[in-house]
PDB file of N, CA and C in Angstrom:
ATOM      1  N   MET A   1      53.543   5.798 -20.004  1.00  0.00           N
ATOM      2  CA  MET A   1      52.955   5.124 -21.137  1.00  0.00           C
ATOM      3  C   MET A   1      54.108   4.593 -21.983  1.00  0.00           C
ATOM      4  N   GLU A   2      53.957   3.328 -22.396  1.00  0.00           N
ATOM      5  CA  GLU A   2      54.989   2.732 -23.238  1.00  0.00           C
ATOM      6  C   GLU A   2      54.362   1.680 -24.150  1.00  0.00           C
ATOM      7  N   THR A   3      55.041   1.418 -25.255  1.00  0.00           N
ATOM      8  CA  THR A   3      54.625   0.351 -26.151  1.00  0.00           C
ATOM      9  C   THR A   3      55.397  -0.898 -25.778  1.00  0.00           C
ATOM     10  N   ILE A   4      54.660  -2.005 -25.624  1.00  0.00           N
ATOM     11  CA  ILE A   4      55.296  -3.276 -25.302  1.00  0.00           C
ATOM     12  C   ILE A   4      54.945  -4.297 -26.381  1.00  0.00           C
ATOM     13  N   GLU A   5      55.792  -5.299 -26.522  1.00  0.00           N
ATOM     14  CA  GLU A   5      55.538  -6.396 -27.446  1.00  0.00           C
ATOM     15  C   GLU A   5      55.251  -7.641 -26.624  1.00  0.00           C
ATOM     16  N   VAL A   6      54.204  -8.364 -27.032  1.00  0.00           N
ATOM     17  CA  VAL A   6      53.787  -9.569 -26.338  1.00  0.00           C
ATOM     18  C   VAL A   6      53.829 -10.716 -27.334  1.00  0.00           C
ATOM     19  N   SER A   7      54.440 -11.818 -26.956  1.00  0.00           N
ATOM     20  CA  SER A   7      54.570 -12.975 -27.839  1.00  0.00           C
ATOM     21  C   SER A   7      53.259 -13.759 -27.921  1.00  0.00           C
ATOM     22  N   ALA A   8      53.074 -14.479 -29.003  1.00  0.00           N
ATOM     23  CA  ALA A   8      51.903 -15.344 -29.166  1.00  0.00           C
ATOM     24  C   ALA A   8      51.820 -16.301 -27.984  1.00  0.00           C
ATOM     25  N   GLY A   9      50.641 -16.395 -27.397  1.00  0.00           N
ATOM     26  CA  GLY A   9      50.425 -17.286 -26.265  1.00  0.00           C
ATOM     27  C   GLY A   9      50.737 -16.678 -24.910  1.00  0.00           C
ATOM     28  N   GLU A  10      51.360 -15.531 -24.880  1.00  0.00           N
ATOM     29  CA  GLU A  10      51.744 -14.900 -23.610  1.00  0.00           C
ATOM     30  C   GLU A  10      50.539 -14.262 -22.930  1.00  0.00           C
ATOM     31  N   GLU A  11      50.412 -14.524 -21.623  1.00  0.00           N
ATOM     32  CA  GLU A  11      49.338 -13.928 -20.836  1.00  0.00           C
ATOM     33  C   GLU A  11      49.674 -12.477 -20.523  1.00  0.00           C
ATOM     34  N   ILE A  12      48.703 -11.604 -20.711  1.00  0.00           N
ATOM     35  CA  ILE A  12      48.878 -10.180 -20.416  1.00  0.00           C
ATOM     36  C   ILE A  12      48.467  -9.917 -18.966  1.00  0.00           C
ATOM     37  N   PHE A  13      47.309 -10.429 -18.580  1.00  0.00           N
ATOM     38  CA  PHE A  13      46.872 -10.447 -17.188  1.00  0.00           C
ATOM     39  C   PHE A  13      45.762 -11.464 -17.051  1.00  0.00           C
ATOM     40  N   LYS A  14      45.455 -11.832 -15.792  1.00  0.00           N
ATOM     41  CA  LYS A  14      44.380 -12.802 -15.593  1.00  0.00           C
ATOM     42  C   LYS A  14      43.361 -12.270 -14.599  1.00  0.00           C
ATOM     43  N   ALA A  15      42.154 -12.807 -14.717  1.00  0.00           N
ATOM     44  CA  ALA A  15      41.061 -12.409 -13.838  1.00  0.00           C
ATOM     45  C   ALA A  15      41.466 -12.590 -12.383  1.00  0.00           C
ATOM     46  N   GLY A  16      41.108 -11.599 -11.564  1.00  0.00           N
ATOM     47  CA  GLY A  16      41.398 -11.641 -10.144  1.00  0.00           C
ATOM     48  C   GLY A  16      42.647 -10.876  -9.746  1.00  0.00           C
ATOM     49  N   GLU A  17      43.538 -10.647 -10.701  1.00  0.00           N
ATOM     50  CA  GLU A  17      44.744  -9.872 -10.402  1.00  0.00           C
ATOM     51  C   GLU A  17      44.391  -8.397 -10.227  1.00  0.00           C
ATOM     52  N   VAL A  18      45.068  -7.764  -9.307  1.00  0.00           N
ATOM     53  CA  VAL A  18      44.941  -6.316  -9.160  1.00  0.00           C
ATOM     54  C   VAL A  18      46.020  -5.713 -10.043  1.00  0.00           C
ATOM     55  N   GLY A  19      45.596  -4.975 -11.041  1.00  0.00           N
ATOM     56  CA  GLY A  19      46.551  -4.402 -11.974  1.00  0.00           C
ATOM     57  C   GLY A  19      46.596  -2.900 -11.875  1.00  0.00           C
ATOM     58  N   LYS A  20      47.565  -2.333 -12.579  1.00  0.00           N
ATOM     59  CA  LYS A  20      47.633  -0.876 -12.613  1.00  0.00           C
ATOM     60  C   LYS A  20      47.708  -0.358 -14.037  1.00  0.00           C
ATOM     61  N   TYR A  21      47.529  -1.261 -15.015  1.00  0.00           N
ATOM     62  CA  TYR A  21      47.640  -0.849 -16.411  1.00  0.00           C
ATOM     63  C   TYR A  21      46.387  -1.144 -17.215  1.00  0.00           C
ATOM     64  N   ILE A  22      46.107  -0.228 -18.115  1.00  0.00           N
ATOM     65  CA  ILE A  22      45.097  -0.396 -19.159  1.00  0.00           C
ATOM     66  C   ILE A  22      45.894  -0.533 -20.447  1.00  0.00           C
ATOM     67  N   TYR A  23      45.439  -1.384 -21.336  1.00  0.00           N
ATOM     68  CA  TYR A  23      46.175  -1.666 -22.566  1.00  0.00           C
ATOM     69  C   TYR A  23      45.350  -1.274 -23.783  1.00  0.00           C
ATOM     70  N   VAL A  24      46.006  -0.672 -24.751  1.00  0.00           N
ATOM     71  CA  VAL A  24      45.390  -0.327 -26.038  1.00  0.00           C
ATOM     72  C   VAL A  24      46.136  -1.133 -27.099  1.00  0.00           C
ATOM     73  N   ILE A  25      45.402  -1.870 -27.914  1.00  0.00           N
ATOM     74  CA  ILE A  25      46.028  -2.719 -28.918  1.00  0.00           C
ATOM     75  C   ILE A  25      46.469  -1.877 -30.116  1.00  0.00           C
ATOM     76  N   LYS A  26      47.730  -2.019 -30.497  1.00  0.00           N
ATOM     77  CA  LYS A  26      48.290  -1.319 -31.663  1.00  0.00           C
ATOM     78  C   LYS A  26      48.353  -2.237 -32.879  1.00  0.00           C
ATOM     79  N   SER A  27      48.755  -3.495 -32.641  1.00  0.00           N
ATOM     80  CA  SER A  27      48.815  -4.480 -33.715  1.00  0.00           C
ATOM     81  C   SER A  27      48.700  -5.860 -33.096  1.00  0.00           C
ATOM     82  N   GLY A  28      48.285  -6.813 -33.917  1.00  0.00           N
ATOM     83  CA  GLY A  28      48.160  -8.184 -33.439  1.00  0.00           C
ATOM     84  C   GLY A  28      46.739  -8.531 -33.057  1.00  0.00           C
ATOM     85  N   LYS A  29      46.612  -9.525 -32.183  1.00  0.00           N
ATOM     86  CA  LYS A  29      45.303 -10.052 -31.796  1.00  0.00           C
ATOM     87  C   LYS A  29      45.369 -10.530 -30.352  1.00  0.00           C
ATOM     88  N   VAL A  30      44.331 -10.216 -29.573  1.00  0.00           N
ATOM     89  CA  VAL A  30      44.260 -10.584 -28.162  1.00  0.00           C
ATOM     90  C   VAL A  30      42.969 -11.361 -27.918  1.00  0.00           C
ATOM     91  N   LYS A  31      43.098 -12.457 -27.152  1.00  0.00           N
ATOM     92  CA  LYS A  31      41.923 -13.224 -26.723  1.00  0.00           C
ATOM     93  C   LYS A  31      41.577 -12.777 -25.313  1.00  0.00           C
ATOM     94  N   ILE A  32      40.316 -12.404 -25.126  1.00  0.00           N
ATOM     95  CA  ILE A  32      39.815 -11.987 -23.827  1.00  0.00           C
ATOM     96  C   ILE A  32      38.827 -13.043 -23.370  1.00  0.00           C
ATOM     97  N   SER A  33      39.110 -13.648 -22.223  1.00  0.00           N
ATOM     98  CA  SER A  33      38.246 -14.697 -21.682  1.00  0.00           C
ATOM     99  C   SER A  33      37.514 -14.166 -20.459  1.00  0.00           C
ATOM    100  N   VAL A  34      36.179 -14.333 -20.503  1.00  0.00           N
ATOM    101  CA  VAL A  34      35.310 -13.929 -19.395  1.00  0.00           C
ATOM    102  C   VAL A  34      34.417 -15.123 -19.114  1.00  0.00           C
ATOM    103  N   GLY A  35      34.602 -15.737 -17.976  1.00  0.00           N
ATOM    104  CA  GLY A  35      33.810 -16.936 -17.680  1.00  0.00           C
ATOM    105  C   GLY A  35      34.044 -17.994 -18.743  1.00  0.00           C
ATOM    106  N   LEU A  36      32.968 -18.470 -19.363  1.00  0.00           N
ATOM    107  CA  LEU A  36      33.051 -19.502 -20.398  1.00  0.00           C
ATOM    108  C   LEU A  36      33.222 -18.929 -21.791  1.00  0.00           C
ATOM    109  N   TYR A  37      33.273 -17.624 -21.928  1.00  0.00           N
ATOM    110  CA  TYR A  37      33.289 -16.980 -23.239  1.00  0.00           C
ATOM    111  C   TYR A  37      34.665 -16.438 -23.590  1.00  0.00           C
ATOM    112  N   ASP A  38      34.994 -16.566 -24.866  1.00  0.00           N
ATOM    113  CA  ASP A  38      36.211 -15.981 -25.411  1.00  0.00           C
ATOM    114  C   ASP A  38      35.832 -14.931 -26.450  1.00  0.00           C
ATOM    115  N   PHE A  39      36.494 -13.802 -26.402  1.00  0.00           N
ATOM    116  CA  PHE A  39      36.296 -12.706 -27.342  1.00  0.00           C
ATOM    117  C   PHE A  39      37.663 -12.365 -27.918  1.00  0.00           C
ATOM    118  N   PHE A  40      37.680 -11.858 -29.133  1.00  0.00           N
ATOM    119  CA  PHE A  40      38.939 -11.515 -29.774  1.00  0.00           C
ATOM    120  C   PHE A  40      38.901 -10.060 -30.210  1.00  0.00           C
ATOM    121  N   ILE A  41      39.996  -9.355 -29.970  1.00  0.00           N
ATOM    122  CA  ILE A  41      40.101  -7.982 -30.440  1.00  0.00           C
ATOM    123  C   ILE A  41      41.370  -7.860 -31.275  1.00  0.00           C
ATOM    124  N   THR A  42      41.302  -6.977 -32.251  1.00  0.00           N
ATOM    125  CA  THR A  42      42.447  -6.707 -33.119  1.00  0.00           C
ATOM    126  C   THR A  42      42.638  -5.197 -33.211  1.00  0.00           C
ATOM    127  N   ALA A  43      43.687  -4.806 -33.893  1.00  0.00           N
ATOM    128  CA  ALA A  43      43.989  -3.383 -34.035  1.00  0.00           C
ATOM    129  C   ALA A  43      43.152  -2.718 -35.126  1.00  0.00           C
ATOM    130  N   GLN A  44      42.311  -3.484 -35.826  1.00  0.00           N
ATOM    131  CA  GLN A  44      41.489  -2.884 -36.880  1.00  0.00           C
ATOM    132  C   GLN A  44      40.634  -1.750 -36.330  1.00  0.00           C
ATOM    133  N   GLU A  45      40.096  -1.945 -35.143  1.00  0.00           N
ATOM    134  CA  GLU A  45      39.376  -0.871 -34.455  1.00  0.00           C
ATOM    135  C   GLU A  45      39.981  -0.804 -33.056  1.00  0.00           C
ATOM    136  N   PRO A  46      40.954   0.085 -32.851  1.00  0.00           N
ATOM    137  CA  PRO A  46      41.674   0.093 -31.574  1.00  0.00           C
ATOM    138  C   PRO A  46      40.752   0.169 -30.365  1.00  0.00           C
ATOM    139  N   VAL A  47      40.962  -0.754 -29.457  1.00  0.00           N
ATOM    140  CA  VAL A  47      40.160  -0.852 -28.250  1.00  0.00           C
ATOM    141  C   VAL A  47      41.096  -1.051 -27.068  1.00  0.00           C
ATOM    142  N   ALA A  48      40.731  -0.493 -25.943  1.00  0.00           N
ATOM    143  CA  ALA A  48      41.485  -0.696 -24.711  1.00  0.00           C
ATOM    144  C   ALA A  48      40.834  -1.809 -23.902  1.00  0.00           C
ATOM    145  N   PHE A  49      41.646  -2.477 -23.103  1.00  0.00           N
ATOM    146  CA  PHE A  49      41.117  -3.482 -22.186  1.00  0.00           C
ATOM    147  C   PHE A  49      41.881  -3.354 -20.871  1.00  0.00           C
ATOM    148  N   GLY A  50      41.265  -3.897 -19.817  1.00  0.00           N
ATOM    149  CA  GLY A  50      41.815  -3.689 -18.477  1.00  0.00           C
ATOM    150  C   GLY A  50      41.197  -2.473 -17.821  1.00  0.00           C
ATOM    151  N   LEU A  51      39.973  -2.146 -18.252  1.00  0.00           N
ATOM    152  CA  LEU A  51      39.309  -0.934 -17.757  1.00  0.00           C
ATOM    153  C   LEU A  51      38.975  -0.973 -16.272  1.00  0.00           C
ATOM    154  N   GLU A  52      39.049  -2.153 -15.659  1.00  0.00           N
ATOM    155  CA  GLU A  52      38.796  -2.257 -14.223  1.00  0.00           C
ATOM    156  C   GLU A  52      39.739  -1.360 -13.427  1.00  0.00           C
ATOM    157  N   VAL A  53      40.894  -1.069 -13.992  1.00  0.00           N
ATOM    158  CA  VAL A  53      41.874  -0.186 -13.336  1.00  0.00           C
ATOM    159  C   VAL A  53      41.255   1.186 -13.061  1.00  0.00           C
ATOM    160  N   LEU A  54      40.346   1.613 -13.923  1.00  0.00           N
ATOM    161  CA  LEU A  54      39.702   2.914 -13.717  1.00  0.00           C
ATOM    162  C   LEU A  54      38.912   2.953 -12.412  1.00  0.00           C
ATOM    163  N   LEU A  55      38.453   1.778 -11.959  1.00  0.00           N
ATOM    164  CA  LEU A  55      37.667   1.681 -10.730  1.00  0.00           C
ATOM    165  C   LEU A  55      38.481   1.152  -9.552  1.00  0.00           C
ATOM    166  N   ASP A  56      39.785   0.981  -9.778  1.00  0.00           N
ATOM    167  CA  ASP A  56      40.664   0.411  -8.748  1.00  0.00           C
ATOM    168  C   ASP A  56      40.168  -0.957  -8.286  1.00  0.00           C
ATOM    169  N   LYS A  57      39.727  -1.772  -9.243  1.00  0.00           N
ATOM    170  CA  LYS A  57      39.220  -3.120  -8.975  1.00  0.00           C
ATOM    171  C   LYS A  57      40.095  -4.152  -9.669  1.00  0.00           C
ATOM    172  N   PRO A  58      40.061  -5.408  -9.210  1.00  0.00           N
ATOM    173  CA  PRO A  58      40.813  -6.470  -9.891  1.00  0.00           C
ATOM    174  C   PRO A  58      40.259  -6.698 -11.303  1.00  0.00           C
ATOM    175  N   TYR A  59      41.118  -7.193 -12.170  1.00  0.00           N
ATOM    176  CA  TYR A  59      40.688  -7.530 -13.523  1.00  0.00           C
ATOM    177  C   TYR A  59      39.607  -8.610 -13.468  1.00  0.00           C
ATOM    178  N   THR A  60      38.602  -8.498 -14.308  1.00  0.00           N
ATOM    179  CA  THR A  60      37.529  -9.500 -14.383  1.00  0.00           C
ATOM    180  C   THR A  60      37.716 -10.421 -15.587  1.00  0.00           C
ATOM    181  N   GLU A  61      38.715 -10.134 -16.408  1.00  0.00           N
ATOM    182  CA  GLU A  61      38.960 -10.893 -17.628  1.00  0.00           C
ATOM    183  C   GLU A  61      40.394 -11.420 -17.626  1.00  0.00           C
ATOM    184  N   THR A  62      40.603 -12.500 -18.356  1.00  0.00           N
ATOM    185  CA  THR A  62      41.953 -12.991 -18.601  1.00  0.00           C
ATOM    186  C   THR A  62      42.282 -12.675 -20.048  1.00  0.00           C
ATOM    187  N   CYS A  63      43.430 -12.063 -20.291  1.00  0.00           N
ATOM    188  CA  CYS A  63      43.812 -11.634 -21.634  1.00  0.00           C
ATOM    189  C   CYS A  63      45.137 -12.261 -22.030  1.00  0.00           C
ATOM    190  N   ARG A  64      45.172 -12.771 -23.262  1.00  0.00           N
ATOM    191  CA  ARG A  64      46.349 -13.467 -23.781  1.00  0.00           C
ATOM    192  C   ARG A  64      46.542 -13.082 -25.244  1.00  0.00           C
ATOM    193  N   ALA A  65      47.782 -12.863 -25.640  1.00  0.00           N
ATOM    194  CA  ALA A  65      48.082 -12.577 -27.045  1.00  0.00           C
ATOM    195  C   ALA A  65      47.876 -13.849 -27.866  1.00  0.00           C
ATOM    196  N   VAL A  66      47.213 -13.715 -28.998  1.00  0.00           N
ATOM    197  CA  VAL A  66      46.989 -14.843 -29.904  1.00  0.00           C
ATOM    198  C   VAL A  66      48.143 -14.938 -30.891  1.00  0.00           C
ATOM    199  N   GLU A  67      48.701 -13.799 -31.228  1.00  0.00           N
ATOM    200  CA  GLU A  67      49.836 -13.708 -32.146  1.00  0.00           C
ATOM    201  C   GLU A  67      50.755 -12.608 -31.621  1.00  0.00           C
ATOM    202  N   GLU A  68      51.877 -12.418 -32.261  1.00  0.00           N
ATOM    203  CA  GLU A  68      52.782 -11.325 -31.878  1.00  0.00           C
ATOM    204  C   GLU A  68      51.962 -10.032 -31.853  1.00  0.00           C
ATOM    205  N   THR A  69      51.967  -9.344 -30.713  1.00  0.00           N
ATOM    206  CA  THR A  69      51.070  -8.209 -30.509  1.00  0.00           C
ATOM    207  C   THR A  69      51.827  -7.036 -29.895  1.00  0.00           C
ATOM    208  N   LYS A  70      51.496  -5.833 -30.340  1.00  0.00           N
ATOM    209  CA  LYS A  70      52.030  -4.604 -29.740  1.00  0.00           C
ATOM    210  C   LYS A  70      50.893  -3.912 -29.005  1.00  0.00           C
ATOM    211  N   LEU A  71      51.201  -3.505 -27.779  1.00  0.00           N
ATOM    212  CA  LEU A  71      50.216  -2.854 -26.918  1.00  0.00           C
ATOM    213  C   LEU A  71      50.783  -1.559 -26.370  1.00  0.00           C
ATOM    214  N   ILE A  72      49.908  -0.584 -26.195  1.00  0.00           N
ATOM    215  CA  ILE A  72      50.265   0.614 -25.451  1.00  0.00           C
ATOM    216  C   ILE A  72      49.814   0.358 -24.017  1.00  0.00           C
ATOM    217  N   LYS A  73      50.737   0.427 -23.096  1.00  0.00           N
ATOM    218  CA  LYS A  73      50.489   0.155 -21.680  1.00  0.00           C
ATOM    219  C   LYS A  73      50.380   1.497 -20.959  1.00  0.00           C
ATOM    220  N   CYS A  74      49.201   1.762 -20.391  1.00  0.00           N
ATOM    221  CA  CYS A  74      48.929   3.058 -19.757  1.00  0.00           C
ATOM    222  C   CYS A  74      48.562   2.889 -18.287  1.00  0.00           C
ATOM    223  N   GLU A  75      49.010   3.800 -17.481  1.00  0.00           N
ATOM    224  CA  GLU A  75      48.494   3.887 -16.123  1.00  0.00           C
ATOM    225  C   GLU A  75      47.151   4.617 -16.193  1.00  0.00           C
ATOM    226  N   LYS A  76      46.401   4.545 -15.116  1.00  0.00           N
ATOM    227  CA  LYS A  76      45.047   5.103 -15.070  1.00  0.00           C
ATOM    228  C   LYS A  76      44.981   6.552 -15.570  1.00  0.00           C
ATOM    229  N   GLN A  77      45.795   7.423 -14.996  1.00  0.00           N
ATOM    230  CA  GLN A  77      45.717   8.835 -15.370  1.00  0.00           C
ATOM    231  C   GLN A  77      46.170   9.076 -16.802  1.00  0.00           C
ATOM    232  N   GLU A  78      47.138   8.312 -17.273  1.00  0.00           N
ATOM    233  CA  GLU A  78      47.576   8.430 -18.663  1.00  0.00           C
ATOM    234  C   GLU A  78      46.433   8.084 -19.615  1.00  0.00           C
ATOM    235  N   PHE A  79      45.705   7.013 -19.294  1.00  0.00           N
ATOM    236  CA  PHE A  79      44.572   6.622 -20.132  1.00  0.00           C
ATOM    237  C   PHE A  79      43.514   7.725 -20.131  1.00  0.00           C
ATOM    238  N   LEU A  80      43.189   8.242 -18.959  1.00  0.00           N
ATOM    239  CA  LEU A  80      42.180   9.297 -18.868  1.00  0.00           C
ATOM    240  C   LEU A  80      42.606  10.537 -19.658  1.00  0.00           C
ATOM    241  N   ASP A  81      43.881  10.894 -19.567  1.00  0.00           N
ATOM    242  CA  ASP A  81      44.376  12.074 -20.268  1.00  0.00           C
ATOM    243  C   ASP A  81      44.395  11.891 -21.789  1.00  0.00           C
ATOM    244  N   MET A  82      44.747  10.691 -22.245  1.00  0.00           N
ATOM    245  CA  MET A  82      44.946  10.456 -23.686  1.00  0.00           C
ATOM    246  C   MET A  82      43.728   9.918 -24.420  1.00  0.00           C
ATOM    247  N   TYR A  83      42.971   9.015 -23.796  1.00  0.00           N
ATOM    248  CA  TYR A  83      41.977   8.244 -24.538  1.00  0.00           C
ATOM    249  C   TYR A  83      40.532   8.373 -24.071  1.00  0.00           C
ATOM    250  N   ALA A  84      40.306   8.792 -22.855  1.00  0.00           N
ATOM    251  CA  ALA A  84      38.963   8.720 -22.275  1.00  0.00           C
ATOM    252  C   ALA A  84      37.891   9.394 -23.129  1.00  0.00           C
ATOM    253  N   LYS A  85      38.197  10.514 -23.746  1.00  0.00           N
ATOM    254  CA  LYS A  85      37.181  11.246 -24.513  1.00  0.00           C
ATOM    255  C   LYS A  85      37.324  11.056 -26.014  1.00  0.00           C
ATOM    256  N   THR A  86      37.989   9.983 -26.408  1.00  0.00           N
ATOM    257  CA  THR A  86      38.185   9.685 -27.828  1.00  0.00           C
ATOM    258  C   THR A  86      37.341   8.483 -28.218  1.00  0.00           C
ATOM    259  N   GLU A  87      37.365   8.151 -29.500  1.00  0.00           N
ATOM    260  CA  GLU A  87      36.659   6.960 -29.975  1.00  0.00           C
ATOM    261  C   GLU A  87      37.226   5.699 -29.317  1.00  0.00           C
ATOM    262  N   VAL A  88      38.511   5.681 -29.054  1.00  0.00           N
ATOM    263  CA  VAL A  88      39.113   4.519 -28.383  1.00  0.00           C
ATOM    264  C   VAL A  88      38.452   4.320 -27.018  1.00  0.00           C
ATOM    265  N   GLY A  89      38.310   5.378 -26.260  1.00  0.00           N
ATOM    266  CA  GLY A  89      37.676   5.281 -24.945  1.00  0.00           C
ATOM    267  C   GLY A  89      36.232   4.850 -25.031  1.00  0.00           C
ATOM    268  N   LYS A  90      35.479   5.442 -25.941  1.00  0.00           N
ATOM    269  CA  LYS A  90      34.066   5.097 -26.104  1.00  0.00           C
ATOM    270  C   LYS A  90      33.902   3.657 -26.563  1.00  0.00           C
ATOM    271  N   ASN A  91      34.655   3.261 -27.581  1.00  0.00           N
ATOM    272  CA  ASN A  91      34.561   1.884 -28.091  1.00  0.00           C
ATOM    273  C   ASN A  91      34.970   0.876 -27.023  1.00  0.00           C
ATOM    274  N   SER A  92      35.952   1.220 -26.230  1.00  0.00           N
ATOM    275  CA  SER A  92      36.430   0.319 -25.181  1.00  0.00           C
ATOM    276  C   SER A  92      35.354   0.063 -24.141  1.00  0.00           C
ATOM    277  N   LEU A  93      34.664   1.112 -23.742  1.00  0.00           N
ATOM    278  CA  LEU A  93      33.600   0.969 -22.757  1.00  0.00           C
ATOM    279  C   LEU A  93      32.457   0.127 -23.314  1.00  0.00           C
ATOM    280  N   VAL A  94      32.059   0.386 -24.539  1.00  0.00           N
ATOM    281  CA  VAL A  94      30.981  -0.387 -25.176  1.00  0.00           C
ATOM    282  C   VAL A  94      31.360  -1.863 -25.261  1.00  0.00           C
ATOM    283  N   GLU A  95      32.572  -2.160 -25.693  1.00  0.00           N
ATOM    284  CA  GLU A  95      33.017  -3.552 -25.822  1.00  0.00           C
ATOM    285  C   GLU A  95      33.111  -4.234 -24.462  1.00  0.00           C
ATOM    286  N   PHE A  96      33.580  -3.529 -23.446  1.00  0.00           N
ATOM    287  CA  PHE A  96      33.667  -4.110 -22.109  1.00  0.00           C
ATOM    288  C   PHE A  96      32.278  -4.464 -21.590  1.00  0.00           C
ATOM    289  N   VAL A  97      31.325  -3.561 -21.743  1.00  0.00           N
ATOM    290  CA  VAL A  97      29.956  -3.818 -21.290  1.00  0.00           C
ATOM    291  C   VAL A  97      29.349  -4.979 -22.072  1.00  0.00           C
ATOM    292  N   ARG A  98      29.589  -5.032 -23.375  1.00  0.00           N
ATOM    293  CA  ARG A  98      29.071  -6.121 -24.208  1.00  0.00           C
ATOM    294  C   ARG A  98      29.621  -7.473 -23.744  1.00  0.00           C
ATOM    295  N   ARG A  99      30.927  -7.558 -23.500  1.00  0.00           N
ATOM    296  CA  ARG A  99      31.530  -8.811 -23.041  1.00  0.00           C
ATOM    297  C   ARG A  99      30.957  -9.228 -21.695  1.00  0.00           C
ATOM    298  N   THR A 100      30.852  -8.270 -20.776  1.00  0.00           N
ATOM    299  CA  THR A 100      30.343  -8.572 -19.442  1.00  0.00           C
ATOM    300  C   THR A 100      28.885  -9.022 -19.509  1.00  0.00           C
ATOM    301  N   ALA A 101      28.074  -8.342 -20.287  1.00  0.00           N
ATOM    302  CA  ALA A 101      26.656  -8.708 -20.415  1.00  0.00           C
ATOM    303  C   ALA A 101      26.511 -10.106 -21.004  1.00  0.00           C
ATOM    304  N   ARG A 102      27.324 -10.435 -21.981  1.00  0.00           N
ATOM    305  CA  ARG A 102      27.264 -11.772 -22.576  1.00  0.00           C
ATOM    306  C   ARG A 102      27.660 -12.837 -21.565  1.00  0.00           C
ATOM    307  N   ALA A 103      28.728 -12.578 -20.818  1.00  0.00           N
ATOM    308  CA  ALA A 103      29.192 -13.542 -19.824  1.00  0.00           C
ATOM    309  C   ALA A 103      28.159 -13.749 -18.718  1.00  0.00           C
ATOM    310  N   LEU A 104      27.396 -12.713 -18.409  1.00  0.00           N
ATOM    311  CA  LEU A 104      26.351 -12.815 -17.378  1.00  0.00           C
ATOM    312  C   LEU A 104      25.047 -13.382 -17.920  1.00  0.00           C
ATOM    313  N   GLY A 105      24.999 -13.618 -19.236  1.00  0.00           N
ATOM    314  CA  GLY A 105      23.801 -14.189 -19.844  1.00  0.00           C
ATOM    315  C   GLY A 105      22.695 -13.180 -20.103  1.00  0.00           C
ATOM    316  N   TRP A 106      23.051 -11.917 -20.102  1.00  0.00           N
ATOM    317  CA  TRP A 106      22.047 -10.880 -20.346  1.00  0.00           C
ATOM    318  C   TRP A 106      21.741 -10.736 -21.826  1.00  0.00           C
ATOM    319  N   ILE A 107      22.700 -11.077 -22.683  1.00  0.00           N
ATOM    320  CA  ILE A 107      22.472 -11.011 -24.134  1.00  0.00           C
ATOM    321  C   ILE A 107      22.965 -12.298 -24.786  1.00  0.00           C
TER     322      ILE A 107
END
């Protein structure tokens, strides 16, 4: 687990890539694109993204820093050990499902 800094406009990962990291936002702003929809997350309510790693699946979202951003970069087991049973883990799952449902036209 490490904290990384991402510059404004820098891509964190893109849909279809097989990744090994889940990211928790510490500061800044990230744009998450799913299909035709864009969602924005900030550190006001810390949320993780890249949860597909938990299922050993490719990322379904493209994520890009909107401004200078600090992220905690976790491998699967690190995320499970540190965040899975916390508010960060719960909020992350809810937000991921919400984004996916919106992109699929369910809501």
